[in-house]
C-alpha atoms as a PDB file:
ATOM      1  CA  UNK A   1     164.467 139.784 122.445  1.00  0.00           C
ATOM      2  CA  UNK A   2     162.790 142.477 119.757  1.00  0.00           C
ATOM      3  CA  UNK A   3     159.328 142.133 121.713  1.00  0.00           C
ATOM      4  CA  UNK A   4     160.016 143.406 125.416  1.00  0.00           C
ATOM      5  CA  UNK A   5     159.724 146.796 126.875  1.00  0.00           C
ATOM      6  CA  UNK A   6     163.345 146.533 128.091  1.00  0.00           C
ATOM      7  CA  UNK A   7     164.232 146.580 124.308  1.00  0.00           C
ATOM      8  CA  UNK A   8     161.777 149.804 123.791  1.00  0.00           C
ATOM      9  CA  UNK A   9     163.381 151.682 126.399  1.00  0.00           C
ATOM     10  CA  UNK A  10     166.914 150.872 125.166  1.00  0.00           C
ATOM     11  CA  UNK A  11     166.999 150.634 121.670  1.00  0.00           C
ATOM     12  CA  UNK A  12     165.903 152.804 119.727  1.00  0.00           C
ATOM     13  CA  UNK A  13     168.092 155.715 121.967  1.00  0.00           C
ATOM     14  CA  UNK A  14     170.715 153.850 120.565  1.00  0.00           C
ATOM     15  CA  UNK A  15     169.076 154.157 116.677  1.00  0.00           C
ATOM     16  CA  UNK A  16     168.841 158.131 117.713  1.00  0.00           C
ATOM     17  CA  UNK A  17     172.542 158.018 118.409  1.00  0.00           C
ATOM     18  CA  UNK A  18     173.647 156.548 115.635  1.00  0.00           C
ATOM     19  CA  UNK A  19     171.484 158.228 113.092  1.00  0.00           C
ATOM     20  CA  UNK A  20     172.947 161.779 113.889  1.00  0.00           C
ATOM     21  CA  UNK A  21     176.309 161.136 114.419  1.00  0.00           C
ATOM     22  CA  UNK A  22     179.088 162.742 112.372  1.00  0.00           C
ATOM     23  CA  UNK A  23     182.087 161.033 112.216  1.00  0.00           C
ATOM     24  CA  UNK A  24     183.944 163.349 110.355  1.00  0.00           C
ATOM     25  CA  UNK A  25     183.728 165.511 113.806  1.00  0.00           C
ATOM     26  CA  UNK A  26     186.419 165.267 117.167  1.00  0.00           C
ATOM     27  CA  UNK A  27     183.593 164.813 119.560  1.00  0.00           C
ATOM     28  CA  UNK A  28     180.375 166.416 121.789  1.00  0.00           C
ATOM     29  CA  UNK A  29     181.360 170.045 122.986  1.00  0.00           C
ATOM     30  CA  UNK A  30     177.831 170.966 124.900  1.00  0.00           C
ATOM     31  CA  UNK A  31     175.650 169.361 127.981  1.00  0.00           C
ATOM     32  CA  UNK A  32     172.345 170.078 127.919  1.00  0.00           C
ATOM     33  CA  UNK A  33     169.417 169.015 129.771  1.00  0.00           C
ATOM     34  CA  UNK A  34     165.348 170.548 128.787  1.00  0.00           C
ATOM     35  CA  UNK A  35     162.109 168.627 130.179  1.00  0.00           C
ATOM     36  CA  UNK A  36     158.536 167.121 129.179  1.00  0.00           C
ATOM     37  CA  UNK A  37     155.774 167.205 129.982  1.00  0.00           C
ATOM     38  CA  UNK A  38     152.279 165.308 129.883  1.00  0.00           C
ATOM     39  CA  UNK A  39     148.808 165.507 130.624  1.00  0.00           C
ATOM     40  CA  UNK A  40     146.154 165.278 131.810  1.00  0.00           C
ATOM     41  CA  UNK A  41     147.502 164.075 134.855  1.00  0.00           C
ATOM     42  CA  UNK A  42     145.474 160.538 134.881  1.00  0.00           C
ATOM     43  CA  UNK A  43     146.738 156.864 135.148  1.00  0.00           C
ATOM     44  CA  UNK A  44     143.627 155.920 132.916  1.00  0.00           C
ATOM     45  CA  UNK A  45     142.153 156.985 129.665  1.00  0.00           C
ATOM     46  CA  UNK A  46     139.399 155.793 127.531  1.00  0.00           C
ATOM     47  CA  UNK A  47     140.402 154.504 123.817  1.00  0.00           C
ATOM     48  CA  UNK A  48     140.226 157.895 121.312  1.00  0.00           C
ATOM     49  CA  UNK A  49     141.208 160.172 123.943  1.00  0.00           C
ATOM     50  CA  UNK A  50     144.469 162.536 124.073  1.00  0.00           C
ATOM     51  CA  UNK A  51     147.902 161.978 126.187  1.00  0.00           C
ATOM     52  CA  UNK A  52     150.120 165.525 125.469  1.00  0.00           C
ATOM     53  CA  UNK A  53     153.562 165.514 125.643  1.00  0.00           C
ATOM     54  CA  UNK A  54     155.191 168.897 125.585  1.00  0.00           C
ATOM     55  CA  UNK A  55     158.096 170.630 125.275  1.00  0.00           C
ATOM     56  CA  UNK A  56     159.441 174.210 125.387  1.00  0.00           C
ATOM     57  CA  UNK A  57     163.107 175.430 125.980  1.00  0.00           C
ATOM     58  CA  UNK A  58     165.521 178.400 125.029  1.00  0.00           C
ATOM     59  CA  UNK A  59     167.887 178.310 122.044  1.00  0.00           C
ATOM     60  CA  UNK A  60     170.098 179.895 124.806  1.00  0.00           C
ATOM     61  CA  UNK A  61     170.839 177.094 127.135  1.00  0.00           C
ATOM     62  CA  UNK A  62     173.342 176.563 129.611  1.00  0.00           C
ATOM     63  CA  UNK A  63     176.127 173.709 129.951  1.00  0.00           C
ATOM     64  CA  UNK A  64     175.786 171.237 133.192  1.00  0.00           C
ATOM     65  CA  UNK A  65     179.151 170.736 133.087  1.00  0.00           C
ATOM     66  CA  UNK A  66     180.712 174.129 132.673  1.00  0.00           C
ATOM     67  CA  UNK A  67     177.724 176.288 133.889  1.00  0.00           C
ATOM     68  CA  UNK A  68     178.484 178.690 130.577  1.00  0.00           C
ATOM     69  CA  UNK A  69     175.206 180.001 128.628  1.00  0.00           C
ATOM     70  CA  UNK A  70     175.501 178.941 125.315  1.00  0.00           C
ATOM     71  CA  UNK A  71     173.226 180.151 122.364  1.00  0.00           C
ATOM     72  CA  UNK A  72     172.480 176.811 120.182  1.00  0.00           C
ATOM     73  CA  UNK A  73     169.941 178.148 117.624  1.00  0.00           C
ATOM     74  CA  UNK A  74     169.471 176.725 114.286  1.00  0.00           C
ATOM     75  CA  UNK A  75     169.858 172.982 115.218  1.00  0.00           C
ATOM     76  CA  UNK A  76     169.773 170.526 112.731  1.00  0.00           C
ATOM     77  CA  UNK A  77     169.070 167.303 114.413  1.00  0.00           C
ATOM     78  CA  UNK A  78     167.142 168.292 117.598  1.00  0.00           C
ATOM     79  CA  UNK A  79     164.137 166.210 118.210  1.00  0.00           C
ATOM     80  CA  UNK A  80     163.035 162.853 120.320  1.00  0.00           C
ATOM     81  CA  UNK A  81     162.286 159.045 119.526  1.00  0.00           C
ATOM     82  CA  UNK A  82     159.389 157.678 121.284  1.00  0.00           C
ATOM     83  CA  UNK A  83     158.988 154.093 122.259  1.00  0.00           C
ATOM     84  CA  UNK A  84     155.856 152.401 122.679  1.00  0.00           C
ATOM     85  CA  UNK A  85     154.658 149.211 124.062  1.00  0.00           C
ATOM     86  CA  UNK A  86     151.818 147.535 125.458  1.00  0.00           C
ATOM     87  CA  UNK A  87     152.757 146.166 129.121  1.00  0.00           C
ATOM     88  CA  UNK A  88     151.987 142.345 128.963  1.00  0.00           C
ATOM     89  CA  UNK A  89     152.899 141.250 132.206  1.00  0.00           C
ATOM     90  CA  UNK A  90     156.385 139.938 133.262  1.00  0.00           C
ATOM     91  CA  UNK A  91     158.690 139.373 136.272  1.00  0.00           C
ATOM     92  CA  UNK A  92     162.024 140.464 137.181  1.00  0.00           C
ATOM     93  CA  UNK A  93     163.681 138.484 134.208  1.00  0.00           C
ATOM     94  CA  UNK A  94     160.698 139.038 131.326  1.00  0.00           C
ATOM     95  CA  UNK A  95     160.100 142.486 130.978  1.00  0.00           C
ATOM     96  CA  UNK A  96     156.886 141.462 129.717  1.00  0.00           C
ATOM     97  CA  UNK A  97     155.874 144.153 126.605  1.00  0.00           C
ATOM     98  CA  UNK A  98     155.396 143.910 122.693  1.00  0.00           C
ATOM     99  CA  UNK A  99     155.957 147.305 120.427  1.00  0.00           C
ATOM    100  CA  UNK A 100     152.772 149.195 119.974  1.00  0.00           C
ATOM    101  CA  UNK A 101     153.609 152.162 118.189  1.00  0.00           C
ATOM    102  CA  UNK A 102     150.879 151.179 115.901  1.00  0.00           C
ATOM    103  CA  UNK A 103     148.564 151.393 118.230  1.00  0.00           C
ATOM    104  CA  UNK A 104     148.078 155.339 118.069  1.00  0.00           C
ATOM    105  CA  UNK A 105     147.744 158.069 116.226  1.00  0.00           C
ATOM    106  CA  UNK A 106     149.864 161.116 116.503  1.00  0.00           C
ATOM    107  CA  UNK A 107     148.570 165.001 116.255  1.00  0.00           C
ATOM    108  CA  UNK A 108     151.563 167.424 115.926  1.00  0.00           C
ATOM    109  CA  UNK A 109     151.160 170.728 116.908  1.00  0.00           C
ATOM    110  CA  UNK A 110     154.677 171.738 117.258  1.00  0.00           C
ATOM    111  CA  UNK A 111     157.184 169.781 115.487  1.00  0.00           C
ATOM    112  CA  UNK A 112     157.593 167.268 112.651  1.00  0.00           C
ATOM    113  CA  UNK A 113     157.063 163.619 112.104  1.00  0.00           C
ATOM    114  CA  UNK A 114     160.002 161.622 110.686  1.00  0.00           C
ATOM    115  CA  UNK A 115     159.563 158.276 109.159  1.00  0.00           C
ATOM    116  CA  UNK A 116     160.841 156.228 112.091  1.00  0.00           C
ATOM    117  CA  UNK A 117     163.642 153.133 111.671  1.00  0.00           C
ATOM    118  CA  UNK A 118     161.402 150.561 113.251  1.00  0.00           C
ATOM    119  CA  UNK A 119     157.723 152.102 112.754  1.00  0.00           C
ATOM    120  CA  UNK A 120     156.429 149.192 114.682  1.00  0.00           C
ATOM    121  CA  UNK A 121     157.917 150.540 117.896  1.00  0.00           C
ATOM    122  CA  UNK A 122     158.962 153.909 117.503  1.00  0.00           C
ATOM    123  CA  UNK A 123     157.734 157.729 116.293  1.00  0.00           C
ATOM    124  CA  UNK A 124     160.454 160.014 115.952  1.00  0.00           C
ATOM    125  CA  UNK A 125     159.945 163.908 115.498  1.00  0.00           C
ATOM    126  CA  UNK A 126     162.282 166.777 115.228  1.00  0.00           C
ATOM    127  CA  UNK A 127     161.695 169.865 117.173  1.00  0.00           C
ATOM    128  CA  UNK A 128     160.623 173.430 116.395  1.00  0.00           C
ATOM    129  CA  UNK A 129     162.581 176.350 116.262  1.00  0.00           C
ATOM    130  CA  UNK A 130     160.149 179.958 117.035  1.00  0.00           C
ATOM    131  CA  UNK A 131     161.162 182.886 118.783  1.00  0.00           C
ATOM    132  CA  UNK A 132     164.165 182.070 120.198  1.00  0.00           C
ATOM    133  CA  UNK A 133     162.622 178.780 121.686  1.00  0.00           C
ATOM    134  CA  UNK A 134     162.436 174.911 120.672  1.00  0.00           C
ATOM    135  CA  UNK A 135     158.864 173.358 120.789  1.00  0.00           C
ATOM    136  CA  UNK A 136     157.875 170.341 120.957  1.00  0.00           C
ATOM    137  CA  UNK A 137     154.029 169.648 121.354  1.00  0.00           C
ATOM    138  CA  UNK A 138     152.122 165.675 120.002  1.00  0.00           C
ATOM    139  CA  UNK A 139     148.819 164.253 120.957  1.00  0.00           C
ATOM    140  CA  UNK A 140     149.451 160.537 121.657  1.00  0.00           C
ATOM    141  CA  UNK A 141     145.192 159.094 121.152  1.00  0.00           C
ATOM    142  CA  UNK A 142     144.884 155.287 121.896  1.00  0.00           C
ATOM    143  CA  UNK A 143     143.012 153.541 119.170  1.00  0.00           C
ATOM    144  CA  UNK A 144     142.919 149.629 121.916  1.00  0.00           C
ATOM    145  CA  UNK A 145     142.528 149.262 124.970  1.00  0.00           C
ATOM    146  CA  UNK A 146     145.046 148.332 127.364  1.00  0.00           C
ATOM    147  CA  UNK A 147     148.277 149.320 129.865  1.00  0.00           C
ATOM    148  CA  UNK A 148     150.706 151.008 128.102  1.00  0.00           C
ATOM    149  CA  UNK A 149     154.611 152.836 128.211  1.00  0.00           C
ATOM    150  CA  UNK A 150     155.518 155.489 126.223  1.00  0.00           C
ATOM    151  CA  UNK A 151     159.189 157.031 126.265  1.00  0.00           C
ATOM    152  CA  UNK A 152     160.631 160.282 124.643  1.00  0.00           C
ATOM    153  CA  UNK A 153     164.247 159.925 124.170  1.00  0.00           C
ATOM    154  CA  UNK A 154     167.075 162.393 124.859  1.00  0.00           C
ATOM    155  CA  UNK A 155     168.960 164.050 122.073  1.00  0.00           C
ATOM    156  CA  UNK A 156     172.824 162.905 120.917  1.00  0.00           C
ATOM    157  CA  UNK A 157     174.745 164.251 118.950  1.00  0.00           C
ATOM    158  CA  UNK A 158     172.513 167.588 117.581  1.00  0.00           C
ATOM    159  CA  UNK A 159     174.319 169.863 115.729  1.00  0.00           C
ATOM    160  CA  UNK A 160     174.239 173.198 114.483  1.00  0.00           C
ATOM    161  CA  UNK A 161     173.636 174.020 110.599  1.00  0.00           C
ATOM    162  CA  UNK A 162     176.115 176.689 110.419  1.00  0.00           C
ATOM    163  CA  UNK A 163     178.827 174.402 112.062  1.00  0.00           C
ATOM    164  CA  UNK A 164     177.873 170.420 112.224  1.00  0.00           C
ATOM    165  CA  UNK A 165     181.150 169.745 114.968  1.00  0.00           C
ATOM    166  CA  UNK A 166     179.160 171.672 117.226  1.00  0.00           C
ATOM    167  CA  UNK A 167     177.615 168.604 118.759  1.00  0.00           C
ATOM    168  CA  UNK A 168     175.647 168.608 121.937  1.00  0.00           C
ATOM    169  CA  UNK A 169     173.740 166.185 123.565  1.00  0.00           C
ATOM    170  CA  UNK A 170     170.138 166.840 125.796  1.00  0.00           C
ATOM    171  CA  UNK A 171     169.124 165.284 128.779  1.00  0.00           C
ATOM    172  CA  UNK A 172     165.645 165.159 128.368  1.00  0.00           C
ATOM    173  CA  UNK A 173     163.450 163.956 130.754  1.00  0.00           C
ATOM    174  CA  UNK A 174     160.028 164.424 132.535  1.00  0.00           C
ATOM    175  CA  UNK A 175     159.227 166.943 135.242  1.00  0.00           C
ATOM    176  CA  UNK A 176     156.439 167.980 136.735  1.00  0.00           C
ATOM    177  CA  UNK A 177     154.949 164.682 135.504  1.00  0.00           C
ATOM    178  CA  UNK A 178     153.328 162.054 137.668  1.00  0.00           C
ATOM    179  CA  UNK A 179     154.919 159.296 135.202  1.00  0.00           C
ATOM    180  CA  UNK A 180     152.663 156.429 136.864  1.00  0.00           C
ATOM    181  CA  UNK A 181     155.356 154.094 137.313  1.00  0.00           C
ATOM    182  CA  UNK A 182     153.405 151.461 139.489  1.00  0.00           C
ATOM    183  CA  UNK A 183     151.884 150.769 136.773  1.00  0.00           C
ATOM    184  CA  UNK A 184     155.118 149.148 135.341  1.00  0.00           C
ATOM    185  CA  UNK A 185     156.086 148.102 138.589  1.00  0.00           C
ATOM    186  CA  UNK A 186     152.879 145.866 139.063  1.00  0.00           C
ATOM    187  CA  UNK A 187     153.517 144.222 135.277  1.00  0.00           C
ATOM    188  CA  UNK A 188     157.430 143.433 136.210  1.00  0.00           C
ATOM    189  CA  UNK A 189     156.859 142.217 140.184  1.00  0.00           C
ATOM    190  CA  UNK A 190     160.119 141.910 142.294  1.00  0.00           C
ATOM    191  CA  UNK A 191     162.364 144.556 139.365  1.00  0.00           C
ATOM    192  CA  UNK A 192     163.416 147.861 139.991  1.00  0.00           C
ATOM    193  CA  UNK A 193     162.759 150.015 137.225  1.00  0.00           C
ATOM    194  CA  UNK A 194     166.191 151.654 136.014  1.00  0.00           C
ATOM    195  CA  UNK A 195     167.356 154.966 136.494  1.00  0.00           C
ATOM    196  CA  UNK A 196     166.943 155.633 132.728  1.00  0.00           C
ATOM    197  CA  UNK A 197     163.312 153.810 132.843  1.00  0.00           C
ATOM    198  CA  UNK A 198     162.604 156.515 136.158  1.00  0.00           C
ATOM    199  CA  UNK A 199     163.498 159.525 133.998  1.00  0.00           C
ATOM    200  CA  UNK A 200     161.994 158.214 130.364  1.00  0.00           C
ATOM    201  CA  UNK A 201     159.203 156.081 131.063  1.00  0.00           C
ATOM    202  CA  UNK A 202     155.481 157.189 130.989  1.00  0.00           C
ATOM    203  CA  UNK A 203     152.952 155.080 132.113  1.00  0.00           C
ATOM    204  CA  UNK A 204     148.849 154.295 131.359  1.00  0.00           C
ATOM    205  CA  UNK A 205     145.742 152.294 131.034  1.00  0.00           C
ATOM    206  CA  UNK A 206     143.272 152.416 128.192  1.00  0.00           C
ATOM    207  CA  UNK A 207     139.668 151.480 128.767  1.00  0.00           C
END
């Protein structure tokens, strides 16, 4: 069903992957990883407060499969899609959530906002390349009270402008961040969050 936290977490990553495929190329060459950080480190904020999400990684990247250092600068489509959901109470079967992207404002410091395919659920951004680094910083400001989850995506089939067939996958997860997953577990009594949810979901309450 469309109106579920599960769909928000899973569907948008498929949208992102399909939108960035280059069908005349043979396949992905490299696999990299980089990390988001969210702050302030609090499970509760007020309406009008700002949650910041940042990512900073060098254009010189280590392929996690081969261990080789790769210059992957000048990416044409390196970015993220952030899914937004309001947790309304569920169970093991029912995720108990509704789309909530329109309940937030965004302030982009590093990066570029891109019109999403499903604006009621998603916000899409491209990262900024500067001085040998890929940078992303966005402030997320709630407009209403509630219990929420946001989930920035991995990046699939990222290509270089000089070579559309030199594609790479980026696993982008949170690091050094308390994601307050207990709020999601409370929202779904008896349910065990998936590995993807644990790596990408960030939960908080708005007063």
